[in-house]
Structures are given as structure tokens and as C-alpha cells.
Amino acid sequence: MAIGNIPARKRGFGYDPVTRSLGVYTDGQLTASFPPTPGRTYFVNNITGSTTGDGLSWATAMSEPSYAITASETYRELGGVEGGASVTTNDYVRNTIIVQGTGTAYTKITALPSYCDLIGLGADARGTGAGIARIGSDSTTEHGCACTDTVRGLNVYNIQFQGGSAKYCFSISSMYRSRFENCSFMTPGVATGQPTAAFYSSSSSGSLVFDHCHIGGTSCSKGTEPLIGMKITGPGWTNCLVENCFIAGAQGITVASTAVSTWGSMFKSNFIGQSPTTCSIGVNDDCTNGNGYIIYAGNYFQATAPFDIEDNINRAVGNYWKGALITGANA
């Protein structure tokens, strides 16, 4: 709740940690309030948090990201005003969820927030084990994230999504105008077989950015990494940029023939190939529509074959395979 009136405060300033507002008090009355933004920050810790915490401070942290996601969406849809805003179209309030890396993995999630920054606090997400903010079981065969809702405006930083045998590390139906930075999508420290894919977009996604992410691969034994690094089945994958990423699997990237709207998208300056199981093909792109093909530029391939794509001469630019620039039929 807001601080409100404080009789003992004759004059001066008071800070409300819930609304993050700086208040001006005169004769014990709140005469002015200066909130920096209407958004809230939710804190998550599965060791010190609880199912009943409001998540508005580390002292009252929530125990799972799913609780914070629910709270964030509820508050956002109220327009960032307790009880609801008078302007009902103001549902673009941007919240923040901070997930503390601990010695325990967080429970899988089946929903994601919109207009939110999801931040992993702790060790770098490219490793394995304690200290990483990792979502998905260390030992049970399940998805790390399997979301069928439409998500917009979600930025994810330094989070690891874990998946097990015949599952997905991260599966989304439709996602738009969102970013993943320094995230990983992989199998956990305890081998649980090969996930179907590290990242899977099953419907229409657009304006996604992946930067410095580890997509596929494993910190377990050989033969436990995802079968496919990135799996795109469409129908849409538009204006998406994947750059400076490590993408691995028995196949690095697969794009189904159902992905018929892929204009403005590019895979740029990535490693695509094996880790550690041999990658049979770096990119298997069956999009034949011609409605804006995905472009592959400046990537390095470590695979039995770099490409099997339609119209490859016009879509593959300046890529390297076996240490040499790819030209001719292999381009």
C-alpha cells in the first residue's frame, strides 16, 4: 500500500518502495508524488521466497517465476494503477521480474509476461548448475517453457531454459517485438536425453532479437544436447534477427515449408554446428514461398553440410565452412 498521510512528518520527503514514488509532505500531508514509472519490480528467490510473498522486495520475494508472471500481468492490465486506471487502453505498463540464481532450478513455466524485463541475477547463463537463474527441472524430463499465449514486448536477460528428452527447452506459439540477450537454451547438468529442440516457434513470431545466446548444446555427456538448435514451423517468422549466437544440434536450424512469411529476417555472425554430437546439416530451410526469405550472412558452420535451403545463392552471403568461404553450390 502507498504511504499516504504521515502525521509525524511535518515536512520533507518520503519514499514509497511499492510504487517507487518520491513524496513531498507538508504539515503531515502528502502534497505531491513523483513516481518514476508506473511499472513494478518483482523479486523471485526459490530459497528465501514464498508462495504468499508479494514479490515487491527481497524480504517478501516470491518463490517461483510463475507467481511473479501472474502478478505482473494482473498489475499491467490494470494500467499500472492499484485498483485499475481510468484509461482502460493503458495496458502497456512495463514491469520487471528479477530471478535470483540459487542452487536450485526453478519450476517450468507455461505462461510468459508481456511488456516486461525478465532478468536472471547470478552466474552467467551459459554454464550449468548452482548460481544460474535456470528454469526447468535439473532431473525431470519436461519443457523449460511451453507457452501457447501470444506474448509481446518481453525482454529476457541471463536466463537459462532447460529441457529434457523429447521436450523443448523453450517453446512459444506467437511472440512479437521481444529480445533474448545472453540467455541459454540447453539440457541441464544431469543428462535427461535429447530435447526435440532448444528453441521452438510453432506459429507466427515477429521482430525477435537473439544476441549472444547459447541455443542448443549441453553441459552433460555427449548425446544429450537438443536434436535441433532452432526449430521454426511458421507460418510467420518476420523481421527477426539472430546474431552472435552459438546454435547447435544434430541440425542447427530448421525452417519448415509452412513458414511462408519470413521477410526481413537474418541469421548473422553465428556459430552453427555441432556440440559435441556431429551436426548433419547447419541450416535446413524448406521455405519455398518467396515472400521474403530468411538471409544467412557471415556465419561459421561446423557441420557435415552447411546448407539445404531454397534459392541458396541469393540467401547465403559470406558464410564459412571448414575454414573457407562458402561459394558455388554450397553457398
Protein backbone atom coordinates (compact mmCIF):
# COMPACT_ATOMS: atom_id res chain seq x y z
CA MET A 1 0.00 0.00 0.00
CA ALA A 2 1.05 3.60 -0.53
CA ILE A 3 2.45 5.53 2.41
CA GLY A 4 -0.37 8.09 2.34
CA ASN A 5 -0.51 10.74 5.05
CA ILE A 6 2.02 10.57 7.89
CA PRO A 7 1.08 12.92 10.77
CA ALA A 8 4.59 12.90 12.26
CA ARG A 9 6.17 14.02 9.00
CA LYS A 10 5.71 17.79 9.14
CA ARG A 11 7.67 18.50 6.01
CA GLY A 12 10.20 16.88 3.75
CA PHE A 13 10.38 13.80 1.54
CA GLY A 14 9.24 10.21 1.87
CA TYR A 15 9.89 7.23 -0.42
CA ASP A 16 7.30 4.54 -1.12
CA PRO A 17 9.10 1.30 -2.19
CA VAL A 18 5.90 -0.23 -3.59
CA THR A 19 5.08 2.50 -6.09
CA ARG A 20 8.71 3.70 -6.19
CA SER A 21 7.36 7.20 -5.63
CA LEU A 22 9.08 10.14 -4.01
CA GLY A 23 6.53 12.09 -1.98
CA VAL A 24 6.60 15.68 -0.74
CA TYR A 25 4.97 16.23 2.68
CA THR A 26 3.72 19.47 4.22
CA ASP A 27 2.25 19.51 7.72
CA GLY A 28 1.98 15.72 7.64
CA GLN A 29 0.05 15.68 4.37
CA LEU A 30 1.25 14.18 1.09
CA THR A 31 1.06 17.18 -1.22
CA ALA A 32 2.90 15.81 -4.27
CA SER A 33 4.10 12.46 -5.56
CA PHE A 34 6.67 11.76 -8.24
CA PRO A 35 6.65 8.15 -9.46
CA PRO A 36 9.44 7.38 -11.95
CA THR A 37 7.29 4.92 -13.89
CA PRO A 38 4.01 3.15 -13.28
CA GLY A 39 5.74 -0.23 -13.58
CA ARG A 40 6.65 -2.54 -10.70
CA THR A 41 9.65 -4.71 -9.92
CA TYR A 42 9.02 -8.24 -8.67
CA PHE A 43 11.71 -10.27 -6.90
CA VAL A 44 11.96 -14.08 -7.08
CA ASN A 45 14.08 -16.41 -4.93
CA ASN A 46 13.21 -20.10 -4.50
CA ILE A 47 15.19 -20.39 -1.26
CA THR A 48 14.05 -17.36 0.73
CA GLY A 49 10.82 -16.54 -1.14
CA SER A 50 7.34 -17.93 -0.55
CA THR A 51 4.11 -18.67 -2.35
CA THR A 52 2.40 -15.87 -0.41
CA GLY A 53 5.01 -13.14 -0.82
CA ASP A 54 4.00 -10.05 -2.79
CA GLY A 55 7.39 -10.04 -4.52
CA LEU A 56 7.85 -6.29 -4.13
CA SER A 57 11.11 -6.62 -2.19
CA TRP A 58 13.72 -9.29 -1.49
CA ALA A 59 12.28 -9.58 2.01
CA THR A 60 8.89 -10.55 0.57
CA ALA A 61 10.16 -12.35 -2.54
CA MET A 62 8.04 -14.84 -4.48
CA SER A 63 9.34 -18.39 -4.70
CA GLU A 64 8.76 -19.04 -8.41
CA PRO A 65 8.80 -17.01 -11.66
CA SER A 66 5.26 -18.21 -12.43
CA TYR A 67 3.90 -16.29 -9.42
CA ALA A 68 5.68 -13.12 -10.49
CA ILE A 69 4.46 -13.52 -14.07
CA THR A 70 0.86 -13.76 -12.89
CA ALA A 71 1.25 -10.72 -10.62
CA SER A 72 2.96 -8.71 -13.36
CA GLU A 73 0.23 -9.42 -15.88
CA THR A 74 -2.52 -8.57 -13.39
CA TYR A 75 -0.93 -5.24 -12.48
CA ARG A 76 -0.11 -4.36 -16.09
CA GLU A 77 -3.66 -4.97 -17.25
CA LEU A 78 -4.85 -2.60 -14.51
CA GLY A 79 -2.87 0.12 -16.27
CA GLY A 80 -0.18 0.25 -13.60
CA VAL A 81 -2.58 1.74 -11.06
CA GLU A 82 -3.72 -0.10 -7.94
CA GLY A 83 -7.42 -0.84 -8.43
CA GLY A 84 -7.27 -0.02 -12.13
CA ALA A 85 -6.61 3.00 -14.30
CA SER A 86 -9.35 5.26 -15.61
CA VAL A 87 -7.78 4.97 -19.08
CA THR A 88 -8.54 1.38 -19.95
CA THR A 89 -6.26 1.28 -23.01
CA ASN A 90 -3.12 1.90 -20.91
CA ASP A 91 -2.10 -1.75 -20.69
CA TYR A 92 1.48 -1.24 -21.92
CA VAL A 93 2.93 -0.63 -18.46
CA ARG A 94 6.39 -2.17 -18.31
CA ASN A 95 7.28 -4.28 -15.28
CA THR A 96 10.49 -6.02 -14.24
CA ILE A 97 10.94 -9.53 -12.82
CA ILE A 98 14.31 -10.33 -11.22
CA VAL A 99 15.06 -14.02 -10.69
CA GLN A 100 17.87 -14.84 -8.28
CA GLY A 101 20.20 -17.66 -9.32
CA THR A 102 20.41 -20.19 -6.48
CA GLY A 103 21.47 -23.79 -6.01
CA THR A 104 18.02 -24.99 -7.11
CA ALA A 105 16.39 -24.85 -10.54
CA TYR A 106 13.06 -23.06 -10.84
CA THR A 107 9.89 -24.89 -11.83
CA LYS A 108 8.96 -24.91 -15.52
CA ILE A 109 6.70 -22.12 -16.76
CA THR A 110 3.67 -22.31 -19.04
CA ALA A 111 2.99 -18.56 -19.33
CA LEU A 112 5.10 -15.51 -20.06
CA PRO A 113 4.55 -11.82 -19.30
CA SER A 114 4.14 -9.11 -21.91
CA TYR A 115 5.85 -5.69 -21.71
CA CYS A 116 8.28 -6.92 -19.10
CA ASP A 117 12.00 -7.34 -18.47
CA LEU A 118 12.80 -10.84 -17.15
CA ILE A 119 16.28 -10.74 -15.64
CA GLY A 120 18.39 -13.56 -14.25
CA LEU A 121 20.60 -12.40 -11.38
CA GLY A 122 23.61 -14.59 -10.71
CA ALA A 123 26.15 -16.60 -12.67
CA ASP A 124 26.34 -16.48 -16.46
CA ALA A 125 23.59 -18.48 -18.17
CA ARG A 126 25.95 -20.37 -20.50
CA GLY A 127 27.16 -22.78 -17.80
CA THR A 128 25.41 -25.34 -15.65
CA GLY A 129 24.46 -25.86 -12.03
CA ALA A 130 24.35 -23.69 -8.93
CA GLY A 131 24.21 -19.92 -9.14
CA ILE A 132 22.47 -19.70 -12.54
CA ALA A 133 18.89 -18.49 -12.81
CA ARG A 134 17.66 -21.61 -14.61
CA ILE A 135 14.06 -22.50 -15.37
CA GLY A 136 13.13 -26.15 -15.86
CA SER A 137 13.95 -29.24 -13.86
CA ASP A 138 17.52 -30.47 -13.36
CA SER A 139 16.39 -34.09 -13.44
CA THR A 140 12.78 -34.48 -14.63
CA THR A 141 12.02 -34.80 -18.34
CA GLU A 142 9.91 -31.73 -19.11
CA HIS A 143 9.83 -28.47 -21.05
CA GLY A 144 11.60 -25.49 -19.54
CA CYS A 145 8.98 -23.15 -21.01
CA ALA A 146 5.94 -24.15 -23.03
CA CYS A 147 3.75 -21.10 -23.67
CA THR A 148 0.75 -21.09 -26.01
CA ASP A 149 -0.28 -17.49 -25.33
CA THR A 150 0.65 -14.55 -27.54
CA VAL A 151 3.48 -12.57 -25.94
CA ARG A 152 4.60 -9.04 -26.82
CA GLY A 153 7.36 -6.76 -25.60
CA LEU A 154 9.21 -9.31 -23.43
CA ASN A 155 12.96 -8.83 -22.95
CA VAL A 156 14.84 -11.73 -21.33
CA TYR A 157 18.38 -11.41 -19.95
CA ASN A 158 20.75 -14.02 -18.49
CA ILE A 159 18.14 -16.76 -18.02
CA GLN A 160 18.75 -20.45 -18.74
CA PHE A 161 15.83 -22.54 -20.02
CA GLN A 162 16.31 -26.29 -19.52
CA GLY A 163 14.59 -29.13 -21.35
CA GLY A 164 14.65 -32.93 -21.22
CA SER A 165 14.22 -35.84 -23.61
CA ALA A 166 11.68 -35.29 -26.42
CA LYS A 167 10.73 -31.89 -24.92
CA TYR A 168 11.62 -28.28 -25.69
CA CYS A 169 13.90 -26.04 -23.70
CA PHE A 170 11.72 -23.12 -24.81
CA SER A 171 8.52 -23.36 -26.85
CA ILE A 172 6.40 -20.40 -27.91
CA SER A 173 3.34 -20.14 -30.11
CA SER A 174 3.41 -16.44 -31.05
CA MET A 175 5.85 -13.80 -29.82
CA TYR A 176 6.39 -10.27 -31.09
CA ARG A 177 8.79 -7.36 -30.51
CA SER A 178 10.84 -9.23 -27.91
CA ARG A 179 14.50 -9.84 -27.13
CA PHE A 180 16.72 -12.58 -25.68
CA GLU A 181 20.18 -11.47 -24.59
CA ASN A 182 22.87 -13.68 -23.03
CA CYS A 183 20.34 -16.47 -22.48
CA SER A 184 20.83 -20.22 -22.92
CA PHE A 185 18.51 -22.97 -24.09
CA MET A 186 20.03 -26.35 -23.25
CA THR A 187 19.94 -29.59 -21.28
CA PRO A 188 20.68 -29.37 -17.55
CA GLY A 189 23.63 -30.68 -15.57
CA VAL A 190 22.00 -34.09 -15.16
CA ALA A 191 21.64 -35.85 -18.51
CA THR A 192 17.96 -36.28 -19.43
CA GLY A 193 18.24 -37.26 -23.08
CA GLN A 194 17.89 -35.09 -26.15
CA PRO A 195 15.19 -32.39 -26.25
CA THR A 196 13.36 -32.11 -29.58
CA ALA A 197 14.64 -28.54 -29.96
CA ALA A 198 16.29 -25.86 -27.87
CA PHE A 199 14.05 -23.05 -29.16
CA TYR A 200 10.77 -23.70 -30.98
CA SER A 201 8.42 -21.18 -32.61
CA SER A 202 5.28 -23.05 -33.64
CA SER A 203 3.15 -20.25 -35.08
CA SER A 204 3.69 -16.60 -36.08
CA SER A 205 6.56 -14.74 -34.43
CA GLY A 206 7.97 -11.40 -35.47
CA SER A 207 10.54 -8.76 -34.55
CA LEU A 208 12.50 -11.07 -32.25
CA VAL A 209 16.16 -10.42 -31.46
CA PHE A 210 18.61 -13.03 -30.14
CA ASP A 211 22.03 -11.69 -29.16
CA HIS A 212 24.92 -13.60 -27.56
CA CYS A 213 22.74 -16.61 -26.72
CA HIS A 214 23.65 -20.29 -26.38
CA ILE A 215 20.93 -22.14 -28.32
CA GLY A 216 21.33 -25.90 -28.11
CA GLY A 217 24.33 -27.73 -26.80
CA THR A 218 24.73 -29.18 -23.34
CA SER A 219 26.91 -29.29 -20.27
CA CYS A 220 26.16 -33.00 -19.91
CA SER A 221 27.55 -36.01 -21.72
CA LYS A 222 27.63 -36.36 -25.49
CA GLY A 223 24.26 -37.24 -26.98
CA THR A 224 22.14 -35.21 -24.57
CA GLU A 225 22.06 -31.90 -26.44
CA PRO A 226 18.88 -30.85 -28.31
CA LEU A 227 18.29 -32.53 -31.67
CA ILE A 228 17.63 -29.12 -33.26
CA GLY A 229 19.01 -25.79 -32.16
CA MET A 230 16.22 -23.56 -33.52
CA LYS A 231 13.03 -25.01 -34.97
CA ILE A 232 10.68 -22.68 -36.88
CA THR A 233 7.45 -24.10 -38.28
CA GLY A 234 5.64 -20.90 -39.07
CA PRO A 235 3.62 -19.63 -40.74
CA GLY A 236 5.41 -16.44 -39.72
CA TRP A 237 8.99 -15.53 -38.76
CA THR A 238 9.26 -11.89 -39.80
CA ASN A 239 11.79 -9.13 -39.05
CA CYS A 240 13.75 -11.43 -36.72
CA LEU A 241 17.48 -11.07 -36.08
CA VAL A 242 19.70 -13.80 -34.62
CA GLU A 243 23.30 -12.68 -34.22
CA ASN A 244 26.46 -13.55 -32.31
CA CYS A 245 24.88 -16.77 -31.05
CA PHE A 246 26.06 -20.37 -30.62
CA ILE A 247 23.47 -22.61 -32.30
CA ALA A 248 23.98 -26.36 -32.07
CA GLY A 249 22.23 -29.69 -32.55
CA ALA A 250 22.08 -32.66 -34.89
CA GLN A 251 20.59 -29.95 -37.10
CA GLY A 252 21.42 -26.36 -36.29
CA ILE A 253 18.37 -24.55 -37.71
CA THR A 254 15.27 -26.00 -39.35
CA VAL A 255 12.65 -23.88 -41.09
CA ALA A 256 9.55 -25.76 -42.23
CA SER A 257 7.81 -25.24 -45.56
CA THR A 258 4.88 -23.89 -43.53
CA ALA A 259 6.95 -20.78 -42.69
CA VAL A 260 5.65 -18.76 -45.60
CA SER A 261 6.14 -15.22 -44.24
CA THR A 262 9.80 -14.70 -43.36
CA TRP A 263 10.70 -11.29 -44.78
CA GLY A 264 13.20 -9.07 -43.01
CA SER A 265 14.79 -11.92 -41.03
CA MET A 266 18.50 -12.67 -40.78
CA PHE A 267 20.89 -15.10 -39.08
CA LYS A 268 24.14 -13.16 -38.83
CA SER A 269 27.62 -13.86 -37.40
CA ASN A 270 26.64 -17.08 -35.58
CA PHE A 271 28.39 -20.38 -34.96
CA ILE A 272 26.09 -23.11 -36.33
CA GLY A 273 27.01 -26.75 -35.89
CA GLN A 274 27.98 -29.50 -33.51
CA SER A 275 28.36 -29.52 -29.73
CA PRO A 276 29.52 -32.17 -29.18
CA THR A 277 27.41 -34.57 -31.31
CA THR A 278 28.00 -34.24 -35.06
CA CYS A 279 25.69 -31.80 -36.81
CA SER A 280 24.43 -33.32 -40.07
CA ILE A 281 23.33 -30.00 -41.56
CA GLY A 282 23.72 -26.45 -40.37
CA VAL A 283 20.57 -24.94 -41.90
CA ASN A 284 17.69 -26.96 -43.31
CA ASP A 285 15.34 -24.28 -44.65
CA ASP A 286 12.35 -25.53 -46.66
CA CYS A 287 10.57 -22.18 -47.01
CA THR A 288 9.50 -22.02 -50.67
CA ASN A 289 7.00 -19.18 -50.65
CA GLY A 290 9.43 -16.47 -51.67
CA ASN A 291 7.60 -13.95 -49.51
CA GLY A 292 10.86 -12.62 -48.10
CA TYR A 293 13.29 -15.44 -47.49
CA ILE A 294 15.48 -15.56 -44.39
CA ILE A 295 19.03 -14.36 -45.11
CA TYR A 296 22.09 -16.15 -43.70
CA ALA A 297 25.15 -13.89 -43.59
CA GLY A 298 28.62 -14.19 -42.10
CA ASN A 299 28.01 -17.41 -40.17
CA TYR A 300 30.58 -20.10 -39.38
CA PHE A 301 29.50 -23.73 -39.89
CA GLN A 302 30.90 -26.85 -38.27
CA ALA A 303 28.63 -29.48 -39.80
CA THR A 304 28.68 -32.30 -42.32
CA ALA A 305 26.91 -29.94 -44.75
CA PRO A 306 26.27 -26.23 -44.19
CA PHE A 307 23.00 -25.70 -46.09
CA ASP A 308 19.94 -27.30 -47.58
CA ILE A 309 17.88 -24.25 -48.45
CA GLU A 310 15.75 -22.98 -51.30
CA ASP A 311 17.28 -20.30 -53.53
CA ASN A 312 20.54 -20.61 -51.61
CA ILE A 313 22.65 -18.42 -53.92
CA ASN A 314 20.61 -15.32 -53.10
CA ARG A 315 20.07 -16.12 -49.42
CA ALA A 316 23.51 -17.21 -48.20
CA VAL A 317 26.09 -14.42 -48.13
CA GLY A 318 29.69 -14.58 -46.88
CA ASN A 319 29.42 -17.74 -44.75
CA TYR A 320 32.31 -20.04 -43.80
CA TRP A 321 32.51 -23.83 -43.72
CA LYS A 322 35.58 -25.92 -42.89
CA GLY A 323 37.57 -22.74 -42.54
CA ALA A 324 36.85 -21.44 -46.03
CA LEU A 325 34.39 -19.03 -47.58
CA ILE A 326 31.40 -20.93 -48.97
CA THR A 327 30.93 -20.44 -52.70
CA GLY A 328 29.11 -22.08 -55.58
CA ALA A 329 26.64 -24.91 -54.93
CA ASN A 330 27.37 -24.99 -51.19
CA ALA A 331 26.53 -21.30 -50.75
